[in-house]
Amino acid sequence: MDLGLKDKVIIITGGAKGIGLGVAKVLANEGAVPVIVGRKAEDNLKAIAEIEAEGGKAAHVVAELTEPDDCKKAVDGVLAEFGKIDGLVNNAGVNDGVGLESGDYDRFIASLHKNMVHYYLMAHHSLDALKESKGVILNITSKTADTGQGNTSAYAASNGGRNALTREWAVELLKYGIRVNAIVVAECWTPLYENWIKTLPNPEEKLQEIESNIPLGNRMTTVEEIANMTAFLLSGRSSHTTGQLIYVDGGYVHLDRSLANA
């Protein structure tokens, strides 16, 4: 299926690794120009090299998204190079373990900046360009807002905010023809997830336990599965879809866990 994304300029925050890189690769394969926004030039350039090795093209902007001024500079950099923005994928963030017992005010606020505030700022600074292109905003969020996890108050709150902003923006931007949706991620196999598993006493046993609770196929969601849905929601093929929270999770959040072993 041709998604009609050829030459579309799409910003991807945190696009150098994990889900962001998977999204960038799928978009590049569709002929779009993913623009990776990340804090380290070497990581960005490594990602671009991977994309180019697969026959795609990409660009990057170095920015520390926890710094509000850098969000504006990132958008300005994209506009200076391409003159347009057709889509924004808000993806950057990390489950940083700032809990109710384990955190404090400063760490909580810092985590909100790391995980939610830049979603708002990137959308705010991209808005004029998105109005012109009738573009699309896609927010990557986490199941922690629905299920809780324990010891991660700031990250859960950030994802609740991401979900609420998705629906709020979908309403506010209707008059401009700008669609806004979110993909909710549960258990997805990324380098960060792999690193976390390895810190546990029995990583292989823990992974099997997690996978046994994922109803569809008893396996982790792949990065490519998240990326494929992202590309579809960014494309005109989803032209009447807005304000939606799409769960790409093998039924993890909403299906009865007992079904996983039925």
C-alpha atoms as a PDB file:
ATOM      1  CA  MET A   1       0.000   0.000   0.000  1.00  0.00           C
ATOM      2  CA  ASP A   2       1.366   3.407  -0.986  1.00  0.00           C
ATOM      3  CA  LEU A   3       0.916   5.643   2.066  1.00  0.00           C
ATOM      4  CA  GLY A   4       1.510   8.812   0.084  1.00  0.00           C
ATOM      5  CA  LEU A   5       4.354   9.946   2.330  1.00  0.00           C
ATOM      6  CA  LYS A   6       6.942  10.620  -0.367  1.00  0.00           C
ATOM      7  CA  ASP A   7       8.969  13.777   0.390  1.00  0.00           C
ATOM      8  CA  LYS A   8       6.959  14.520   3.543  1.00  0.00           C
ATOM      9  CA  VAL A   9       9.177  16.142   6.182  1.00  0.00           C
ATOM     10  CA  ILE A  10       8.467  14.553   9.537  1.00  0.00           C
ATOM     11  CA  ILE A  11      10.160  15.443  12.820  1.00  0.00           C
ATOM     12  CA  ILE A  12      10.858  12.547  15.182  1.00  0.00           C
ATOM     13  CA  THR A  13      12.060  13.388  18.683  1.00  0.00           C
ATOM     14  CA  GLY A  14      14.321  10.728  20.124  1.00  0.00           C
ATOM     15  CA  GLY A  15      14.626   9.340  16.610  1.00  0.00           C
ATOM     16  CA  ALA A  16      18.154   7.981  16.911  1.00  0.00           C
ATOM     17  CA  LYS A  17      17.339   4.826  18.869  1.00  0.00           C
ATOM     18  CA  GLY A  18      14.608   2.376  19.781  1.00  0.00           C
ATOM     19  CA  ILE A  19      11.068   3.172  18.705  1.00  0.00           C
ATOM     20  CA  GLY A  20      12.104   6.525  17.236  1.00  0.00           C
ATOM     21  CA  LEU A  21      14.683   4.923  14.952  1.00  0.00           C
ATOM     22  CA  GLY A  22      12.194   2.245  13.934  1.00  0.00           C
ATOM     23  CA  VAL A  23       9.721   4.964  12.965  1.00  0.00           C
ATOM     24  CA  ALA A  24      12.404   6.860  11.044  1.00  0.00           C
ATOM     25  CA  LYS A  25      13.341   3.746   9.061  1.00  0.00           C
ATOM     26  CA  VAL A  26       9.757   2.905   8.105  1.00  0.00           C
ATOM     27  CA  LEU A  27       9.062   6.498   7.071  1.00  0.00           C
ATOM     28  CA  ALA A  28      12.242   6.637   5.008  1.00  0.00           C
ATOM     29  CA  ASN A  29      11.252   3.389   3.293  1.00  0.00           C
ATOM     30  CA  GLU A  30       7.974   5.118   2.375  1.00  0.00           C
ATOM     31  CA  GLY A  31       9.938   7.950   0.747  1.00  0.00           C
ATOM     32  CA  ALA A  32       9.453  10.477   3.558  1.00  0.00           C
ATOM     33  CA  VAL A  33      12.288  12.538   5.041  1.00  0.00           C
ATOM     34  CA  PRO A  34      12.490  11.809   8.767  1.00  0.00           C
ATOM     35  CA  VAL A  35      14.273  14.529  10.727  1.00  0.00           C
ATOM     36  CA  ILE A  36      15.786  13.077  13.877  1.00  0.00           C
ATOM     37  CA  VAL A  37      15.917  15.369  16.889  1.00  0.00           C
ATOM     38  CA  GLY A  38      18.317  14.092  19.535  1.00  0.00           C
ATOM     39  CA  ARG A  39      20.827  15.319  22.044  1.00  0.00           C
ATOM     40  CA  LYS A  40      23.918  13.583  20.630  1.00  0.00           C
ATOM     41  CA  ALA A  41      25.160  14.255  17.115  1.00  0.00           C
ATOM     42  CA  GLU A  42      27.024  10.938  16.951  1.00  0.00           C
ATOM     43  CA  ASP A  43      23.850   8.980  17.731  1.00  0.00           C
ATOM     44  CA  ASN A  44      21.859  10.973  15.184  1.00  0.00           C
ATOM     45  CA  LEU A  45      24.472  10.458  12.482  1.00  0.00           C
ATOM     46  CA  LYS A  46      24.722   6.740  13.209  1.00  0.00           C
ATOM     47  CA  ALA A  47      20.949   6.459  12.770  1.00  0.00           C
ATOM     48  CA  ILE A  48      21.088   8.395   9.501  1.00  0.00           C
ATOM     49  CA  ALA A  49      23.833   6.067   8.240  1.00  0.00           C
ATOM     50  CA  GLU A  50      21.581   3.068   8.947  1.00  0.00           C
ATOM     51  CA  ILE A  51      18.694   4.699   7.115  1.00  0.00           C
ATOM     52  CA  GLU A  52      20.853   5.606   4.118  1.00  0.00           C
ATOM     53  CA  ALA A  53      22.272   2.069   4.006  1.00  0.00           C
ATOM     54  CA  GLU A  54      18.696   0.879   3.474  1.00  0.00           C
ATOM     55  CA  GLY A  55      18.208   3.327   0.604  1.00  0.00           C
ATOM     56  CA  GLY A  56      16.390   6.092   2.459  1.00  0.00           C
ATOM     57  CA  LYS A  57      17.255   9.659   3.300  1.00  0.00           C
ATOM     58  CA  ALA A  58      17.088  11.525   6.602  1.00  0.00           C
ATOM     59  CA  ALA A  59      18.324  14.603   8.407  1.00  0.00           C
ATOM     60  CA  HIS A  60      18.932  15.576  12.000  1.00  0.00           C
ATOM     61  CA  VAL A  61      18.985  18.422  14.505  1.00  0.00           C
ATOM     62  CA  VAL A  62      20.929  18.324  17.766  1.00  0.00           C
ATOM     63  CA  ALA A  63      18.796  19.494  20.686  1.00  0.00           C
ATOM     64  CA  GLU A  64      18.432  18.897  24.406  1.00  0.00           C
ATOM     65  CA  LEU A  65      14.662  18.803  24.624  1.00  0.00           C
ATOM     66  CA  THR A  66      14.572  19.359  28.374  1.00  0.00           C
ATOM     67  CA  GLU A  67      15.779  22.884  27.565  1.00  0.00           C
ATOM     68  CA  PRO A  68      12.754  24.886  26.322  1.00  0.00           C
ATOM     69  CA  ASP A  69      14.860  27.100  24.048  1.00  0.00           C
ATOM     70  CA  ASP A  70      16.252  24.035  22.292  1.00  0.00           C
ATOM     71  CA  CYS A  71      12.748  22.958  21.279  1.00  0.00           C
ATOM     72  CA  LYS A  72      12.269  26.189  19.339  1.00  0.00           C
ATOM     73  CA  LYS A  73      15.771  25.973  17.878  1.00  0.00           C
ATOM     74  CA  ALA A  74      15.060  22.429  16.683  1.00  0.00           C
ATOM     75  CA  VAL A  75      11.903  23.472  14.852  1.00  0.00           C
ATOM     76  CA  ASP A  76      13.601  26.559  13.421  1.00  0.00           C
ATOM     77  CA  GLY A  77      16.432  24.343  12.178  1.00  0.00           C
ATOM     78  CA  VAL A  78      14.046  22.050  10.333  1.00  0.00           C
ATOM     79  CA  LEU A  79      12.237  24.990   8.739  1.00  0.00           C
ATOM     80  CA  ALA A  80      15.532  26.598   7.723  1.00  0.00           C
ATOM     81  CA  GLU A  81      16.581  23.417   5.915  1.00  0.00           C
ATOM     82  CA  PHE A  82      13.288  22.240   4.426  1.00  0.00           C
ATOM     83  CA  GLY A  83      10.862  25.155   4.586  1.00  0.00           C
ATOM     84  CA  LYS A  84       8.020  22.971   5.798  1.00  0.00           C
ATOM     85  CA  ILE A  85       6.895  20.428   8.383  1.00  0.00           C
ATOM     86  CA  ASP A  86       4.349  17.777   7.392  1.00  0.00           C
ATOM     87  CA  GLY A  87       4.310  15.788  10.599  1.00  0.00           C
ATOM     88  CA  LEU A  88       5.567  15.663  14.174  1.00  0.00           C
ATOM     89  CA  VAL A  89       6.221  12.462  16.104  1.00  0.00           C
ATOM     90  CA  ASN A  90       6.671  13.213  19.798  1.00  0.00           C
ATOM     91  CA  ASN A  91       8.564  10.203  21.083  1.00  0.00           C
ATOM     92  CA  ALA A  92      11.519  11.152  23.288  1.00  0.00           C
ATOM     93  CA  GLY A  93      11.425  10.224  26.955  1.00  0.00           C
ATOM     94  CA  VAL A  94      12.472   7.662  29.523  1.00  0.00           C
ATOM     95  CA  ASN A  95      10.894   5.752  32.381  1.00  0.00           C
ATOM     96  CA  ASP A  96      13.160   7.257  35.023  1.00  0.00           C
ATOM     97  CA  GLY A  97      11.759   5.821  38.243  1.00  0.00           C
ATOM     98  CA  VAL A  98      10.772   9.027  40.018  1.00  0.00           C
ATOM     99  CA  GLY A  99       8.254   7.573  42.448  1.00  0.00           C
ATOM    100  CA  LEU A 100       6.245   8.874  45.362  1.00  0.00           C
ATOM    101  CA  GLU A 101       8.622   7.381  47.906  1.00  0.00           C
ATOM    102  CA  SER A 102      11.752   7.457  45.763  1.00  0.00           C
ATOM    103  CA  GLY A 103      11.434  10.980  44.336  1.00  0.00           C
ATOM    104  CA  ASP A 104      11.334  14.623  45.355  1.00  0.00           C
ATOM    105  CA  TYR A 105      10.056  17.901  43.919  1.00  0.00           C
ATOM    106  CA  ASP A 106      13.118  18.695  41.805  1.00  0.00           C
ATOM    107  CA  ARG A 107      13.350  15.219  40.276  1.00  0.00           C
ATOM    108  CA  PHE A 108       9.594  15.120  39.662  1.00  0.00           C
ATOM    109  CA  ILE A 109       9.619  18.445  37.791  1.00  0.00           C
ATOM    110  CA  ALA A 110      12.741  17.449  35.859  1.00  0.00           C
ATOM    111  CA  SER A 111      11.028  14.239  34.784  1.00  0.00           C
ATOM    112  CA  LEU A 112       7.982  16.140  33.543  1.00  0.00           C
ATOM    113  CA  HIS A 113      10.311  18.234  31.375  1.00  0.00           C
ATOM    114  CA  LYS A 114      12.041  15.081  30.176  1.00  0.00           C
ATOM    115  CA  ASN A 115       8.831  13.278  29.323  1.00  0.00           C
ATOM    116  CA  MET A 116       5.950  15.692  28.677  1.00  0.00           C
ATOM    117  CA  VAL A 117       6.783  19.402  28.520  1.00  0.00           C
ATOM    118  CA  HIS A 118       8.745  19.077  25.277  1.00  0.00           C
ATOM    119  CA  TYR A 119       5.749  17.339  23.672  1.00  0.00           C
ATOM    120  CA  TYR A 120       3.841  20.588  24.175  1.00  0.00           C
ATOM    121  CA  LEU A 121       6.723  22.833  23.129  1.00  0.00           C
ATOM    122  CA  MET A 122       7.559  20.916  19.947  1.00  0.00           C
ATOM    123  CA  ALA A 123       3.904  20.998  18.900  1.00  0.00           C
ATOM    124  CA  HIS A 124       3.581  24.681  19.822  1.00  0.00           C
ATOM    125  CA  HIS A 125       6.619  25.738  17.796  1.00  0.00           C
ATOM    126  CA  SER A 126       5.686  23.495  14.832  1.00  0.00           C
ATOM    127  CA  LEU A 127       2.085  24.675  14.719  1.00  0.00           C
ATOM    128  CA  ASP A 128       2.306  27.416  12.088  1.00  0.00           C
ATOM    129  CA  ALA A 129       4.061  25.050   9.691  1.00  0.00           C
ATOM    130  CA  LEU A 130       1.572  22.270  10.435  1.00  0.00           C
ATOM    131  CA  LYS A 131      -1.325  24.640   9.766  1.00  0.00           C
ATOM    132  CA  GLU A 132       0.151  25.396   6.362  1.00  0.00           C
ATOM    133  CA  SER A 133       0.659  21.736   5.470  1.00  0.00           C
ATOM    134  CA  LYS A 134      -2.471  20.459   7.245  1.00  0.00           C
ATOM    135  CA  GLY A 135      -0.049  18.132   8.909  1.00  0.00           C
ATOM    136  CA  VAL A 136      -0.301  15.444  11.548  1.00  0.00           C
ATOM    137  CA  ILE A 137       0.844  15.119  15.171  1.00  0.00           C
ATOM    138  CA  LEU A 138       1.485  11.659  16.577  1.00  0.00           C
ATOM    139  CA  ASN A 139       2.304  11.219  20.271  1.00  0.00           C
ATOM    140  CA  ILE A 140       3.985   8.069  21.549  1.00  0.00           C
ATOM    141  CA  THR A 141       2.700   7.273  25.040  1.00  0.00           C
ATOM    142  CA  SER A 142       2.879   4.433  27.559  1.00  0.00           C
ATOM    143  CA  LYS A 143       0.428   2.055  29.226  1.00  0.00           C
ATOM    144  CA  THR A 144       1.691   3.271  32.612  1.00  0.00           C
ATOM    145  CA  ALA A 145      -0.976   5.993  32.460  1.00  0.00           C
ATOM    146  CA  ASP A 146      -3.652   3.264  32.370  1.00  0.00           C
ATOM    147  CA  THR A 147      -2.223   0.478  34.490  1.00  0.00           C
ATOM    148  CA  GLY A 148       0.242   2.122  36.840  1.00  0.00           C
ATOM    149  CA  GLN A 149       3.557   0.421  37.447  1.00  0.00           C
ATOM    150  CA  GLY A 150       4.852   1.460  40.829  1.00  0.00           C
ATOM    151  CA  ASN A 151       7.755   3.788  41.658  1.00  0.00           C
ATOM    152  CA  THR A 152       7.337   5.886  38.528  1.00  0.00           C
ATOM    153  CA  SER A 153       4.915   8.683  39.427  1.00  0.00           C
ATOM    154  CA  ALA A 154       6.452  11.273  37.135  1.00  0.00           C
ATOM    155  CA  TYR A 155       6.540   9.020  34.081  1.00  0.00           C
ATOM    156  CA  ALA A 156       2.966   7.825  34.666  1.00  0.00           C
ATOM    157  CA  ALA A 157       1.799  11.416  35.125  1.00  0.00           C
ATOM    158  CA  SER A 158       3.635  12.454  31.953  1.00  0.00           C
ATOM    159  CA  ASN A 159       1.912   9.749  29.946  1.00  0.00           C
ATOM    160  CA  GLY A 160      -1.468  10.674  31.354  1.00  0.00           C
ATOM    161  CA  GLY A 161      -0.661  14.197  30.201  1.00  0.00           C
ATOM    162  CA  ARG A 162       0.415  12.985  26.771  1.00  0.00           C
ATOM    163  CA  ASN A 163      -2.906  11.187  26.352  1.00  0.00           C
ATOM    164  CA  ALA A 164      -4.907  14.203  27.509  1.00  0.00           C
ATOM    165  CA  LEU A 165      -2.958  16.548  25.231  1.00  0.00           C
ATOM    166  CA  THR A 166      -3.644  14.244  22.299  1.00  0.00           C
ATOM    167  CA  ARG A 167      -7.388  14.619  22.733  1.00  0.00           C
ATOM    168  CA  GLU A 168      -7.202  18.320  23.620  1.00  0.00           C
ATOM    169  CA  TRP A 169      -5.113  19.145  20.547  1.00  0.00           C
ATOM    170  CA  ALA A 170      -7.374  17.053  18.311  1.00  0.00           C
ATOM    171  CA  VAL A 171     -10.255  19.309  19.372  1.00  0.00           C
ATOM    172  CA  GLU A 172      -8.328  22.591  19.204  1.00  0.00           C
ATOM    173  CA  LEU A 173      -6.837  21.874  15.790  1.00  0.00           C
ATOM    174  CA  LEU A 174      -9.944  20.545  14.030  1.00  0.00           C
ATOM    175  CA  LYS A 175     -10.477  23.897  12.348  1.00  0.00           C
ATOM    176  CA  TYR A 176      -7.065  23.651  10.692  1.00  0.00           C
ATOM    177  CA  GLY A 177      -7.505  20.101   9.432  1.00  0.00           C
ATOM    178  CA  ILE A 178      -4.640  18.931  11.634  1.00  0.00           C
ATOM    179  CA  ARG A 179      -5.115  15.395  12.940  1.00  0.00           C
ATOM    180  CA  VAL A 180      -3.691  14.345  16.318  1.00  0.00           C
ATOM    181  CA  ASN A 181      -3.448  10.762  17.562  1.00  0.00           C
ATOM    182  CA  ALA A 182      -1.396   8.708  19.993  1.00  0.00           C
ATOM    183  CA  ILE A 183       0.056   5.226  20.039  1.00  0.00           C
ATOM    184  CA  VAL A 184       0.082   3.637  23.478  1.00  0.00           C
ATOM    185  CA  VAL A 185       3.019   1.273  23.968  1.00  0.00           C
ATOM    186  CA  ALA A 186       3.049  -1.515  26.535  1.00  0.00           C
ATOM    187  CA  GLU A 187       5.772  -4.178  26.379  1.00  0.00           C
ATOM    188  CA  CYS A 188       7.953  -3.346  23.369  1.00  0.00           C
ATOM    189  CA  TRP A 189      11.408  -4.817  22.816  1.00  0.00           C
ATOM    190  CA  THR A 190      13.839  -1.898  22.546  1.00  0.00           C
ATOM    191  CA  PRO A 191      17.498  -1.444  23.536  1.00  0.00           C
ATOM    192  CA  LEU A 192      16.360   0.394  26.688  1.00  0.00           C
ATOM    193  CA  TYR A 193      14.029  -2.466  27.593  1.00  0.00           C
ATOM    194  CA  GLU A 194      16.783  -5.016  26.991  1.00  0.00           C
ATOM    195  CA  ASN A 195      19.174  -3.056  29.206  1.00  0.00           C
ATOM    196  CA  TRP A 196      16.541  -2.932  31.961  1.00  0.00           C
ATOM    197  CA  ILE A 197      15.897  -6.682  31.807  1.00  0.00           C
ATOM    198  CA  LYS A 198      19.620  -7.349  32.154  1.00  0.00           C
ATOM    199  CA  THR A 199      19.712  -5.473  35.475  1.00  0.00           C
ATOM    200  CA  LEU A 200      17.337  -7.994  37.069  1.00  0.00           C
ATOM    201  CA  PRO A 201      18.524 -11.065  39.010  1.00  0.00           C
ATOM    202  CA  ASN A 202      16.924 -13.576  36.575  1.00  0.00           C
ATOM    203  CA  PRO A 203      16.451 -11.696  33.294  1.00  0.00           C
ATOM    204  CA  GLU A 204      15.442 -14.655  31.105  1.00  0.00           C
ATOM    205  CA  GLU A 205      12.920 -15.880  33.672  1.00  0.00           C
ATOM    206  CA  LYS A 206      11.476 -12.376  34.062  1.00  0.00           C
ATOM    207  CA  LEU A 207      11.165 -11.934  30.298  1.00  0.00           C
ATOM    208  CA  GLN A 208       9.280 -15.222  29.987  1.00  0.00           C
ATOM    209  CA  GLU A 209       6.944 -14.115  32.785  1.00  0.00           C
ATOM    210  CA  ILE A 210       6.217 -10.810  31.032  1.00  0.00           C
ATOM    211  CA  GLU A 211       5.668 -12.444  27.646  1.00  0.00           C
ATOM    212  CA  SER A 212       3.301 -15.020  29.148  1.00  0.00           C
ATOM    213  CA  ASN A 213       0.968 -12.136  30.098  1.00  0.00           C
ATOM    214  CA  ILE A 214       0.763 -10.699  26.570  1.00  0.00           C
ATOM    215  CA  PRO A 215      -2.398 -12.285  25.111  1.00  0.00           C
ATOM    216  CA  LEU A 216      -1.618 -12.124  21.390  1.00  0.00           C
ATOM    217  CA  GLY A 217       1.193 -14.558  20.683  1.00  0.00           C
ATOM    218  CA  ASN A 218       2.784 -14.441  24.151  1.00  0.00           C
ATOM    219  CA  ARG A 219       5.504 -12.171  22.799  1.00  0.00           C
ATOM    220  CA  MET A 220       6.773  -8.624  23.010  1.00  0.00           C
ATOM    221  CA  THR A 221       5.569  -5.988  20.569  1.00  0.00           C
ATOM    222  CA  THR A 222       8.273  -5.185  18.022  1.00  0.00           C
ATOM    223  CA  VAL A 223       9.548  -1.712  17.219  1.00  0.00           C
ATOM    224  CA  GLU A 224       8.516  -2.251  13.605  1.00  0.00           C
ATOM    225  CA  GLU A 225       4.909  -2.894  14.651  1.00  0.00           C
ATOM    226  CA  ILE A 226       4.832   0.461  16.458  1.00  0.00           C
ATOM    227  CA  ALA A 227       6.511   2.118  13.478  1.00  0.00           C
ATOM    228  CA  ASN A 228       4.075   0.657  10.951  1.00  0.00           C
ATOM    229  CA  MET A 229       1.099   2.032  12.876  1.00  0.00           C
ATOM    230  CA  THR A 230       2.850   5.392  13.207  1.00  0.00           C
ATOM    231  CA  ALA A 231       3.383   5.608   9.450  1.00  0.00           C
ATOM    232  CA  PHE A 232      -0.276   4.749   8.804  1.00  0.00           C
ATOM    233  CA  LEU A 233      -1.528   7.403  11.241  1.00  0.00           C
ATOM    234  CA  LEU A 234       0.772  10.005   9.680  1.00  0.00           C
ATOM    235  CA  SER A 235      -0.529   9.200   6.224  1.00  0.00           C
ATOM    236  CA  GLY A 236      -3.611  10.228   4.315  1.00  0.00           C
ATOM    237  CA  ARG A 237      -4.777   6.614   4.514  1.00  0.00           C
ATOM    238  CA  SER A 238      -5.996   7.460   8.035  1.00  0.00           C
ATOM    239  CA  SER A 239      -7.605  10.700   6.891  1.00  0.00           C
ATOM    240  CA  HIS A 240     -10.673  10.510   9.163  1.00  0.00           C
ATOM    241  CA  THR A 241      -8.883   9.400  12.331  1.00  0.00           C
ATOM    242  CA  THR A 242      -8.151  11.963  15.035  1.00  0.00           C
ATOM    243  CA  GLY A 243      -8.205  12.178  18.816  1.00  0.00           C
ATOM    244  CA  GLN A 244      -7.556   8.456  19.151  1.00  0.00           C
ATOM    245  CA  LEU A 245      -5.362   6.511  21.570  1.00  0.00           C
ATOM    246  CA  ILE A 246      -4.302   3.426  19.607  1.00  0.00           C
ATOM    247  CA  TYR A 247      -3.014   0.499  21.662  1.00  0.00           C
ATOM    248  CA  VAL A 248      -0.381  -1.492  19.776  1.00  0.00           C
ATOM    249  CA  ASP A 249       0.244  -3.984  22.552  1.00  0.00           C
ATOM    250  CA  GLY A 250      -0.959  -7.473  21.672  1.00  0.00           C
ATOM    251  CA  GLY A 251      -3.985  -6.926  23.883  1.00  0.00           C
ATOM    252  CA  TYR A 252      -1.846  -6.400  26.989  1.00  0.00           C
ATOM    253  CA  VAL A 253      -3.836  -3.525  28.508  1.00  0.00           C
ATOM    254  CA  HIS A 254      -7.425  -4.399  27.670  1.00  0.00           C
ATOM    255  CA  LEU A 255      -7.701  -8.171  27.293  1.00  0.00           C
ATOM    256  CA  ASP A 256      -8.070 -10.568  30.200  1.00  0.00           C
ATOM    257  CA  ARG A 257      -4.545 -11.729  31.075  1.00  0.00           C
ATOM    258  CA  SER A 258      -5.867 -15.223  31.747  1.00  0.00           C
ATOM    259  CA  LEU A 259      -6.469 -15.500  27.989  1.00  0.00           C
ATOM    260  CA  ALA A 260      -2.737 -15.428  27.443  1.00  0.00           C
ATOM    261  CA  ASN A 261      -2.387 -18.987  28.722  1.00  0.00           C
ATOM    262  CA  ALA A 262      -5.777 -20.314  27.693  1.00  0.00           C
END
